[in-house]
Amino acid sequence: MNDLIQMFKTRRSCKAYTDQKVEESVLDAILEAGTYAPTGMGRQSPLIVCVQDQETRDKISQLNAAIMKTDIDPFYGAPIVVVVFGDTRVPTYRDDANLVMGNLLNAAHAAGVDSCYIYRAREVFQTPEGQELMKQWGIDPAYEGIGNVILGYGKPEGIKPAAKRKADYIRKI
């Protein structure tokens, strides 16, 4: 158990990536770990879309940047963007999708792959361009983009040490 706790303590978000590709078997293992996240009543309602195609990745990046009203790459150069969608017909859809993203982040770290949770998937996939991508991917319009997990191999300057934990983080009653 100490190894697992140490893994949680050492996982950091990465905000600068190399263009090195993630080996397919490693990527598959990370994605599979996402499918084992707990979901309300075991429904397994989230959808995971792994974007490796550079043109599609860049399009999603541009849509995300437009929402922020900037022209930077909100995916920090990461070669892979994993978009997690939640089924709005399920009461726990946001929580379920966020648990999937937590598994993806932790599995990536365990596999030696860097990652970061990136917001604005909801806004991106509410745009006409985002809706068109969902249609191309065969995703029911009842699904909502919940978040993005970027994956790749980080540059040393992309990872900062953990902040000191706040004193009143835990309360035992």
C-alpha atoms as a PDB file:
ATOM      1  CA  MET A   1       0.000   0.000   0.000  1.00  0.00           C
ATOM      2  CA  ASN A   2       2.874   2.399   0.669  1.00  0.00           C
ATOM      3  CA  ASP A   3       3.864   2.282  -3.021  1.00  0.00           C
ATOM      4  CA  LEU A   4       0.354   3.249  -4.059  1.00  0.00           C
ATOM      5  CA  ILE A   5       0.189   6.123  -1.570  1.00  0.00           C
ATOM      6  CA  GLN A   6       3.626   7.289  -2.724  1.00  0.00           C
ATOM      7  CA  MET A   7       2.357   7.227  -6.317  1.00  0.00           C
ATOM      8  CA  PHE A   8      -0.558   9.504  -5.367  1.00  0.00           C
ATOM      9  CA  LYS A   9       1.827  11.846  -3.573  1.00  0.00           C
ATOM     10  CA  THR A  10       4.211  12.115  -6.521  1.00  0.00           C
ATOM     11  CA  ARG A  11       1.744  12.510  -9.410  1.00  0.00           C
ATOM     12  CA  ARG A  12       1.945  16.054 -10.764  1.00  0.00           C
ATOM     13  CA  SER A  13       0.251  17.863 -13.604  1.00  0.00           C
ATOM     14  CA  CYS A  14       2.582  18.488 -16.531  1.00  0.00           C
ATOM     15  CA  LYS A  15       2.394  21.711 -18.541  1.00  0.00           C
ATOM     16  CA  ALA A  16       5.130  21.245 -21.179  1.00  0.00           C
ATOM     17  CA  TYR A  17       5.550  18.178 -23.405  1.00  0.00           C
ATOM     18  CA  THR A  18       7.991  16.655 -25.851  1.00  0.00           C
ATOM     19  CA  ASP A  19       6.717  15.222 -29.133  1.00  0.00           C
ATOM     20  CA  GLN A  20       7.693  11.670 -28.082  1.00  0.00           C
ATOM     21  CA  LYS A  21       4.865   9.225 -28.791  1.00  0.00           C
ATOM     22  CA  VAL A  22       3.364   7.081 -26.044  1.00  0.00           C
ATOM     23  CA  GLU A  23       3.769   3.395 -26.886  1.00  0.00           C
ATOM     24  CA  GLU A  24       0.426   1.913 -27.964  1.00  0.00           C
ATOM     25  CA  SER A  25       0.431  -0.846 -25.334  1.00  0.00           C
ATOM     26  CA  VAL A  26       1.110   1.711 -22.581  1.00  0.00           C
ATOM     27  CA  LEU A  27      -1.655   3.977 -23.893  1.00  0.00           C
ATOM     28  CA  ASP A  28      -4.073   1.040 -24.038  1.00  0.00           C
ATOM     29  CA  ALA A  29      -3.300   0.154 -20.407  1.00  0.00           C
ATOM     30  CA  ILE A  30      -3.936   3.755 -19.282  1.00  0.00           C
ATOM     31  CA  LEU A  31      -7.222   3.900 -21.187  1.00  0.00           C
ATOM     32  CA  GLU A  32      -8.313   0.532 -19.798  1.00  0.00           C
ATOM     33  CA  ALA A  33      -7.633   1.794 -16.261  1.00  0.00           C
ATOM     34  CA  GLY A  34     -10.108   4.599 -16.973  1.00  0.00           C
ATOM     35  CA  THR A  35     -12.806   2.023 -17.648  1.00  0.00           C
ATOM     36  CA  TYR A  36     -12.388   0.612 -14.135  1.00  0.00           C
ATOM     37  CA  ALA A  37     -13.344   3.848 -12.378  1.00  0.00           C
ATOM     38  CA  PRO A  38     -16.329   3.588 -10.078  1.00  0.00           C
ATOM     39  CA  THR A  39     -19.588   4.797 -11.609  1.00  0.00           C
ATOM     40  CA  GLY A  40     -23.034   5.296 -10.117  1.00  0.00           C
ATOM     41  CA  MET A  41     -24.788   1.943  -9.849  1.00  0.00           C
ATOM     42  CA  GLY A  42     -22.026   0.426 -11.996  1.00  0.00           C
ATOM     43  CA  ARG A  43     -23.581   1.920 -15.145  1.00  0.00           C
ATOM     44  CA  GLN A  44     -20.235   2.624 -16.857  1.00  0.00           C
ATOM     45  CA  SER A  45     -21.964   5.568 -18.523  1.00  0.00           C
ATOM     46  CA  PRO A  46     -18.951   7.757 -19.461  1.00  0.00           C
ATOM     47  CA  LEU A  47     -17.366   7.627 -22.906  1.00  0.00           C
ATOM     48  CA  ILE A  48     -13.632   7.948 -23.462  1.00  0.00           C
ATOM     49  CA  VAL A  49     -12.406   9.378 -26.777  1.00  0.00           C
ATOM     50  CA  CYS A  50      -8.646   9.157 -27.298  1.00  0.00           C
ATOM     51  CA  VAL A  51      -7.484  11.696 -29.880  1.00  0.00           C
ATOM     52  CA  GLN A  52      -4.077  10.944 -31.390  1.00  0.00           C
ATOM     53  CA  ASP A  53      -4.716  12.388 -34.864  1.00  0.00           C
ATOM     54  CA  GLN A  54      -2.718  15.636 -34.965  1.00  0.00           C
ATOM     55  CA  GLU A  55      -5.256  17.557 -37.051  1.00  0.00           C
ATOM     56  CA  THR A  56      -8.163  16.652 -34.751  1.00  0.00           C
ATOM     57  CA  ARG A  57      -6.067  17.312 -31.648  1.00  0.00           C
ATOM     58  CA  ASP A  58      -5.142  20.757 -32.976  1.00  0.00           C
ATOM     59  CA  LYS A  59      -8.757  21.553 -33.841  1.00  0.00           C
ATOM     60  CA  ILE A  60      -9.884  20.723 -30.294  1.00  0.00           C
ATOM     61  CA  SER A  61      -6.987  22.789 -28.959  1.00  0.00           C
ATOM     62  CA  GLN A  62      -8.060  25.791 -31.047  1.00  0.00           C
ATOM     63  CA  LEU A  63     -11.679  25.463 -29.893  1.00  0.00           C
ATOM     64  CA  ASN A  64     -10.519  25.245 -26.273  1.00  0.00           C
ATOM     65  CA  ALA A  65      -8.230  28.280 -26.686  1.00  0.00           C
ATOM     66  CA  ALA A  66     -11.036  30.294 -28.297  1.00  0.00           C
ATOM     67  CA  ILE A  67     -13.182  29.760 -25.199  1.00  0.00           C
ATOM     68  CA  MET A  68     -10.325  31.206 -23.124  1.00  0.00           C
ATOM     69  CA  LYS A  69      -9.982  34.038 -25.668  1.00  0.00           C
ATOM     70  CA  THR A  70      -6.339  33.232 -26.302  1.00  0.00           C
ATOM     71  CA  ASP A  71      -4.222  31.678 -29.033  1.00  0.00           C
ATOM     72  CA  ILE A  72      -2.004  29.499 -26.818  1.00  0.00           C
ATOM     73  CA  ASP A  73      -2.172  25.702 -26.904  1.00  0.00           C
ATOM     74  CA  PRO A  74      -4.179  24.811 -23.786  1.00  0.00           C
ATOM     75  CA  PHE A  75      -2.876  21.241 -24.184  1.00  0.00           C
ATOM     76  CA  TYR A  76       0.741  22.375 -23.669  1.00  0.00           C
ATOM     77  CA  GLY A  77       2.013  20.474 -26.706  1.00  0.00           C
ATOM     78  CA  ALA A  78       0.879  17.072 -25.423  1.00  0.00           C
ATOM     79  CA  PRO A  79       0.463  14.670 -28.353  1.00  0.00           C
ATOM     80  CA  ILE A  80      -2.628  12.907 -26.964  1.00  0.00           C
ATOM     81  CA  VAL A  81      -5.910  14.388 -25.770  1.00  0.00           C
ATOM     82  CA  VAL A  82      -8.383  12.093 -24.061  1.00  0.00           C
ATOM     83  CA  VAL A  83     -11.861  13.593 -23.902  1.00  0.00           C
ATOM     84  CA  VAL A  84     -14.244  12.118 -21.352  1.00  0.00           C
ATOM     85  CA  PHE A  85     -17.967  12.536 -21.947  1.00  0.00           C
ATOM     86  CA  GLY A  86     -20.792  12.008 -19.468  1.00  0.00           C
ATOM     87  CA  ASP A  87     -24.297  10.824 -20.270  1.00  0.00           C
ATOM     88  CA  THR A  88     -26.606  13.609 -19.023  1.00  0.00           C
ATOM     89  CA  ARG A  89     -29.438  11.085 -18.662  1.00  0.00           C
ATOM     90  CA  VAL A  90     -27.564   9.548 -15.718  1.00  0.00           C
ATOM     91  CA  PRO A  91     -27.812  11.482 -12.421  1.00  0.00           C
ATOM     92  CA  THR A  92     -24.140  10.840 -11.554  1.00  0.00           C
ATOM     93  CA  TYR A  93     -22.719  11.645 -15.016  1.00  0.00           C
ATOM     94  CA  ARG A  94     -20.317  14.420 -13.976  1.00  0.00           C
ATOM     95  CA  ASP A  95     -18.993  12.501 -10.990  1.00  0.00           C
ATOM     96  CA  ASP A  96     -18.636   9.304 -13.015  1.00  0.00           C
ATOM     97  CA  ALA A  97     -16.670  11.064 -15.755  1.00  0.00           C
ATOM     98  CA  ASN A  98     -14.420  12.830 -13.252  1.00  0.00           C
ATOM     99  CA  LEU A  99     -13.634   9.517 -11.564  1.00  0.00           C
ATOM    100  CA  VAL A 100     -12.645   8.145 -14.987  1.00  0.00           C
ATOM    101  CA  MET A 101     -10.298  11.112 -15.420  1.00  0.00           C
ATOM    102  CA  GLY A 102      -8.787  10.513 -11.993  1.00  0.00           C
ATOM    103  CA  ASN A 103      -8.052   6.914 -12.955  1.00  0.00           C
ATOM    104  CA  LEU A 104      -6.506   8.068 -16.248  1.00  0.00           C
ATOM    105  CA  LEU A 105      -4.241  10.558 -14.455  1.00  0.00           C
ATOM    106  CA  ASN A 106      -3.101   8.033 -11.851  1.00  0.00           C
ATOM    107  CA  ALA A 107      -2.642   5.213 -14.374  1.00  0.00           C
ATOM    108  CA  ALA A 108      -0.564   7.485 -16.588  1.00  0.00           C
ATOM    109  CA  HIS A 109       1.719   8.304 -13.663  1.00  0.00           C
ATOM    110  CA  ALA A 110       2.052   4.623 -12.766  1.00  0.00           C
ATOM    111  CA  ALA A 111       3.042   3.928 -16.393  1.00  0.00           C
ATOM    112  CA  GLY A 112       5.646   6.722 -16.476  1.00  0.00           C
ATOM    113  CA  VAL A 113       3.525   8.962 -18.710  1.00  0.00           C
ATOM    114  CA  ASP A 114       2.886  12.599 -17.821  1.00  0.00           C
ATOM    115  CA  SER A 115      -0.604  14.083 -17.784  1.00  0.00           C
ATOM    116  CA  CYS A 116      -2.807  17.014 -16.883  1.00  0.00           C
ATOM    117  CA  TYR A 117      -6.558  17.563 -16.462  1.00  0.00           C
ATOM    118  CA  ILE A 118      -7.721  20.314 -18.834  1.00  0.00           C
ATOM    119  CA  TYR A 119     -11.135  21.936 -18.477  1.00  0.00           C
ATOM    120  CA  ARG A 120     -13.560  23.442 -21.003  1.00  0.00           C
ATOM    121  CA  ALA A 121     -14.627  20.179 -22.700  1.00  0.00           C
ATOM    122  CA  ARG A 122     -18.254  21.061 -21.989  1.00  0.00           C
ATOM    123  CA  GLU A 123     -17.926  24.411 -23.733  1.00  0.00           C
ATOM    124  CA  VAL A 124     -15.897  22.968 -26.631  1.00  0.00           C
ATOM    125  CA  PHE A 125     -18.433  20.261 -27.393  1.00  0.00           C
ATOM    126  CA  GLN A 126     -21.362  22.660 -27.155  1.00  0.00           C
ATOM    127  CA  THR A 127     -19.990  24.652 -30.119  1.00  0.00           C
ATOM    128  CA  PRO A 128     -21.201  23.768 -33.621  1.00  0.00           C
ATOM    129  CA  GLU A 129     -17.701  22.459 -34.433  1.00  0.00           C
ATOM    130  CA  GLY A 130     -17.650  20.351 -31.269  1.00  0.00           C
ATOM    131  CA  GLN A 131     -21.132  19.015 -31.990  1.00  0.00           C
ATOM    132  CA  GLU A 132     -19.953  18.059 -35.492  1.00  0.00           C
ATOM    133  CA  LEU A 133     -16.996  16.141 -34.032  1.00  0.00           C
ATOM    134  CA  MET A 134     -19.340  14.298 -31.673  1.00  0.00           C
ATOM    135  CA  LYS A 135     -21.554  13.422 -34.633  1.00  0.00           C
ATOM    136  CA  GLN A 136     -18.526  12.140 -36.609  1.00  0.00           C
ATOM    137  CA  TRP A 137     -17.503  10.030 -33.615  1.00  0.00           C
ATOM    138  CA  GLY A 138     -21.019   8.579 -33.230  1.00  0.00           C
ATOM    139  CA  ILE A 139     -21.647  10.163 -29.831  1.00  0.00           C
ATOM    140  CA  ASP A 140     -25.261  10.697 -28.814  1.00  0.00           C
ATOM    141  CA  PRO A 141     -26.058  14.412 -28.272  1.00  0.00           C
ATOM    142  CA  ALA A 142     -27.239  13.529 -24.750  1.00  0.00           C
ATOM    143  CA  TYR A 143     -23.546  13.261 -23.825  1.00  0.00           C
ATOM    144  CA  GLU A 144     -21.689  16.263 -22.477  1.00  0.00           C
ATOM    145  CA  GLY A 145     -17.960  16.897 -22.563  1.00  0.00           C
ATOM    146  CA  ILE A 146     -16.746  16.805 -18.978  1.00  0.00           C
ATOM    147  CA  GLY A 147     -12.985  17.191 -19.245  1.00  0.00           C
ATOM    148  CA  ASN A 148      -9.792  16.422 -21.099  1.00  0.00           C
ATOM    149  CA  VAL A 149      -6.769  14.473 -19.948  1.00  0.00           C
ATOM    150  CA  ILE A 150      -3.627  15.230 -21.923  1.00  0.00           C
ATOM    151  CA  LEU A 151      -0.952  12.551 -22.137  1.00  0.00           C
ATOM    152  CA  GLY A 152       2.664  12.480 -23.233  1.00  0.00           C
ATOM    153  CA  TYR A 153       6.197  12.786 -21.946  1.00  0.00           C
ATOM    154  CA  GLY A 154       6.916  16.004 -20.133  1.00  0.00           C
ATOM    155  CA  LYS A 155       9.786  18.385 -20.383  1.00  0.00           C
ATOM    156  CA  PRO A 156      11.532  18.958 -17.033  1.00  0.00           C
ATOM    157  CA  GLU A 157      10.235  22.536 -16.861  1.00  0.00           C
ATOM    158  CA  GLY A 158       6.657  21.298 -17.250  1.00  0.00           C
ATOM    159  CA  ILE A 159       6.416  19.692 -13.824  1.00  0.00           C
ATOM    160  CA  LYS A 160       6.496  21.658 -10.579  1.00  0.00           C
ATOM    161  CA  PRO A 161       6.873  20.180  -7.098  1.00  0.00           C
ATOM    162  CA  ALA A 162       3.766  19.622  -5.026  1.00  0.00           C
ATOM    163  CA  ALA A 163       2.535  22.545  -2.985  1.00  0.00           C
ATOM    164  CA  LYS A 164       2.626  22.139   0.760  1.00  0.00           C
ATOM    165  CA  ARG A 165      -0.665  20.636   1.979  1.00  0.00           C
ATOM    166  CA  LYS A 166      -2.846  23.128   3.857  1.00  0.00           C
ATOM    167  CA  ALA A 167      -3.026  22.679   7.626  1.00  0.00           C
ATOM    168  CA  ASP A 168      -6.789  22.171   7.878  1.00  0.00           C
ATOM    169  CA  TYR A 169      -7.200  19.857   4.861  1.00  0.00           C
ATOM    170  CA  ILE A 170      -8.408  16.944   7.014  1.00  0.00           C
ATOM    171  CA  ARG A 171     -10.899  17.081   9.847  1.00  0.00           C
ATOM    172  CA  LYS A 172     -11.543  13.991  11.934  1.00  0.00           C
ATOM    173  CA  ILE A 173     -14.828  14.112  13.757  1.00  0.00           C
END
